[in-house]
Protein backbone atom coordinates (compact mmCIF):
# COMPACT_ATOMS: atom_id res chain seq x y z
CA UNK A 1 -98.88 -43.86 65.13
CA UNK A 2 -98.61 -44.95 61.48
CA UNK A 3 -102.27 -45.93 61.44
CA UNK A 4 -103.23 -42.48 62.75
CA UNK A 5 -101.13 -40.78 60.07
CA UNK A 6 -102.76 -42.84 57.33
CA UNK A 7 -106.21 -42.12 58.78
CA UNK A 8 -105.45 -38.39 59.00
CA UNK A 9 -104.19 -38.38 55.43
CA UNK A 10 -107.34 -40.17 54.20
CA UNK A 11 -109.58 -37.86 56.23
CA UNK A 12 -107.85 -34.84 54.79
CA UNK A 13 -108.10 -36.33 51.29
CA UNK A 14 -111.87 -36.63 51.70
CA UNK A 15 -112.00 -32.98 52.73
CA UNK A 16 -109.78 -32.02 49.75
CA UNK A 17 -112.17 -33.77 47.37
CA UNK A 18 -115.17 -32.15 49.08
CA UNK A 19 -113.59 -28.71 48.63
CA UNK A 20 -112.97 -29.48 44.95
CA UNK A 21 -109.24 -28.78 45.06
CA UNK A 22 -107.23 -29.42 41.90
CA UNK A 23 -106.40 -33.11 41.47
CA UNK A 24 -102.68 -32.42 41.20
CA UNK A 25 -102.77 -31.05 44.77
CA UNK A 26 -104.53 -34.03 46.39
CA UNK A 27 -101.35 -35.65 47.67
CA UNK A 28 -99.74 -32.45 48.94
CA UNK A 29 -102.89 -31.26 50.72
CA UNK A 30 -103.38 -34.68 52.30
CA UNK A 31 -99.74 -34.85 53.35
CA UNK A 32 -100.07 -31.43 54.98
CA UNK A 33 -103.03 -32.67 57.02
CA UNK A 34 -101.05 -35.73 58.09
CA UNK A 35 -98.10 -33.48 59.01
CA UNK A 36 -100.36 -31.37 61.22
CA UNK A 37 -101.69 -34.45 63.00
CA UNK A 38 -98.18 -35.89 63.40
CA UNK A 39 -97.00 -32.62 64.93
CA UNK A 40 -100.00 -32.64 67.28
CA UNK A 41 -99.22 -36.19 68.41
CA UNK A 42 -95.55 -35.35 68.95
CA UNK A 43 -96.40 -32.30 71.05
CA UNK A 44 -98.70 -34.46 73.17
CA UNK A 45 -95.98 -37.09 73.54
CA UNK A 46 -93.53 -34.42 74.68
CA UNK A 47 -95.91 -33.51 77.50
CA UNK A 48 -97.76 -30.52 76.06
CA UNK A 49 -101.47 -30.16 76.76
CA UNK A 50 -104.06 -30.25 74.00
CA UNK A 51 -104.13 -26.45 73.70
CA UNK A 52 -100.37 -26.03 73.28
CA UNK A 53 -100.24 -29.09 71.01
CA UNK A 54 -102.94 -27.55 68.82
CA UNK A 55 -101.09 -24.23 68.72
CA UNK A 56 -97.75 -25.79 67.79
CA UNK A 57 -99.25 -28.13 65.19
CA UNK A 58 -101.18 -25.28 63.60
CA UNK A 59 -98.08 -23.11 63.32
CA UNK A 60 -96.20 -25.97 61.64
CA UNK A 61 -99.15 -26.77 59.37
CA UNK A 62 -99.57 -23.10 58.38
CA UNK A 63 -95.89 -22.65 57.56
CA UNK A 64 -95.90 -25.87 55.53
CA UNK A 65 -99.03 -24.70 53.69
CA UNK A 66 -97.21 -21.48 52.78
CA UNK A 67 -94.16 -23.44 51.62
CA UNK A 68 -96.33 -25.73 49.48
CA UNK A 69 -98.17 -22.71 48.12
CA UNK A 70 -94.90 -21.15 46.95
CA UNK A 71 -93.50 -24.40 45.54
CA UNK A 72 -96.71 -25.53 43.82
CA UNK A 73 -97.78 -22.01 42.78
CA UNK A 74 -101.26 -22.42 44.22
CA UNK A 75 -103.27 -20.42 46.75
CA UNK A 76 -102.33 -21.18 50.33
CA UNK A 77 -105.97 -21.89 51.21
CA UNK A 78 -105.84 -25.16 49.24
CA UNK A 79 -103.29 -26.52 51.69
CA UNK A 80 -104.30 -24.65 54.86
CA UNK A 81 -108.08 -25.04 54.98
CA UNK A 82 -108.00 -28.70 54.05
CA UNK A 83 -104.98 -29.46 56.25
CA UNK A 84 -106.47 -27.87 59.36
CA UNK A 85 -109.30 -30.42 59.22
CA UNK A 86 -107.40 -32.87 61.42
CA UNK A 87 -106.96 -30.33 64.23
CA UNK A 88 -110.50 -28.96 64.46
CA UNK A 89 -111.96 -29.88 67.88
CA UNK A 90 -115.07 -31.64 66.60
CA UNK A 91 -115.10 -34.19 69.42
CA UNK A 92 -114.89 -31.38 71.97
CA UNK A 93 -117.92 -29.68 70.45
CA UNK A 94 -119.79 -32.99 70.40
CA UNK A 95 -119.03 -33.80 74.04
CA UNK A 96 -119.90 -30.27 75.14
CA UNK A 97 -123.35 -30.68 73.62
CA UNK A 98 -123.65 -34.26 74.89
CA UNK A 99 -122.88 -33.34 78.49
CA UNK A 100 -125.27 -30.40 78.24
CA UNK A 101 -128.08 -32.68 77.03
CA UNK A 102 -127.28 -35.20 79.78
CA UNK A 103 -127.64 -32.31 82.26
CA UNK A 104 -124.02 -32.64 83.43
CA UNK A 105 -123.36 -28.92 83.49
CA UNK A 106 -119.94 -29.15 85.14
CA UNK A 107 -118.58 -31.54 82.50
CA UNK A 108 -120.24 -29.54 79.72
CA UNK A 109 -118.67 -26.31 80.94
CA UNK A 110 -115.23 -27.87 81.36
CA UNK A 111 -115.30 -29.47 77.90
CA UNK A 112 -116.71 -26.29 76.34
CA UNK A 113 -113.95 -24.13 77.81
CA UNK A 114 -111.29 -26.60 76.67
CA UNK A 115 -112.81 -26.67 73.17
CA UNK A 116 -112.89 -22.87 73.07
CA UNK A 117 -109.20 -22.76 74.09
CA UNK A 118 -108.27 -25.25 71.35
CA UNK A 119 -110.20 -23.22 68.76
CA UNK A 120 -108.41 -20.06 69.92
CA UNK A 121 -105.06 -21.85 69.75
CA UNK A 122 -105.79 -22.84 66.15
CA UNK A 123 -106.59 -19.22 65.28
CA UNK A 124 -103.40 -18.00 66.97
CA UNK A 125 -101.38 -20.71 65.21
CA UNK A 126 -102.61 -19.46 61.85
CA UNK A 127 -101.83 -15.85 62.83
CA UNK A 128 -98.31 -16.81 63.97
CA UNK A 129 -97.78 -18.85 60.79
CA UNK A 130 -98.73 -15.86 58.67
CA UNK A 131 -96.45 -13.56 60.69
CA UNK A 132 -93.48 -15.00 58.80
CA UNK A 133 -92.70 -12.65 55.88
CA UNK A 134 -94.00 -13.83 52.50
CA UNK A 135 -90.64 -13.01 50.89
CA UNK A 136 -89.13 -16.02 52.69
CA UNK A 137 -91.54 -18.31 50.89
CA UNK A 138 -91.40 -16.54 47.52
CA UNK A 139 -87.72 -17.47 47.23
CA UNK A 140 -88.69 -21.15 47.28
CA UNK A 141 -91.04 -20.90 44.32
CA UNK A 142 -88.95 -18.58 42.21
CA UNK A 143 -86.73 -20.08 39.56
CA UNK A 144 -83.89 -17.69 38.98
CA UNK A 145 -82.77 -17.16 35.39
CA UNK A 146 -79.24 -15.98 35.03
CA UNK A 147 -78.94 -13.44 32.28
CA UNK A 148 -75.46 -12.54 31.17
CA UNK A 149 -74.70 -8.88 31.80
């Protein structure tokens, strides 16, 4: 599992660099990607299917991206778009096309439907993560100054 977390962090880091994120956010964006992958693996270990695991991991990743955004005072997209990289069903898209080209229509259809479900779960995970009120996250980034009255 540790090797997968390191690989997910490095993969996310490459995506962070590609998206030209600020250097000071490299670690936090990469860590968020690794957190999303760790959550996905844990959901799978607990017996969830790939769709539910993707949904749960995306909700966790989105909420963490919003927390990091408030703490680091950066746009949430720096942490969310780069962090979601580990959960995108690229292999599912590849195998859908592969089975289609190999004329295995049943396998292509099955893999395509599963990939579509995972993509929908990722979208719903982001929606659910943004359903949490922003005021909850603003408190984290705000440094209160006590003025004597």
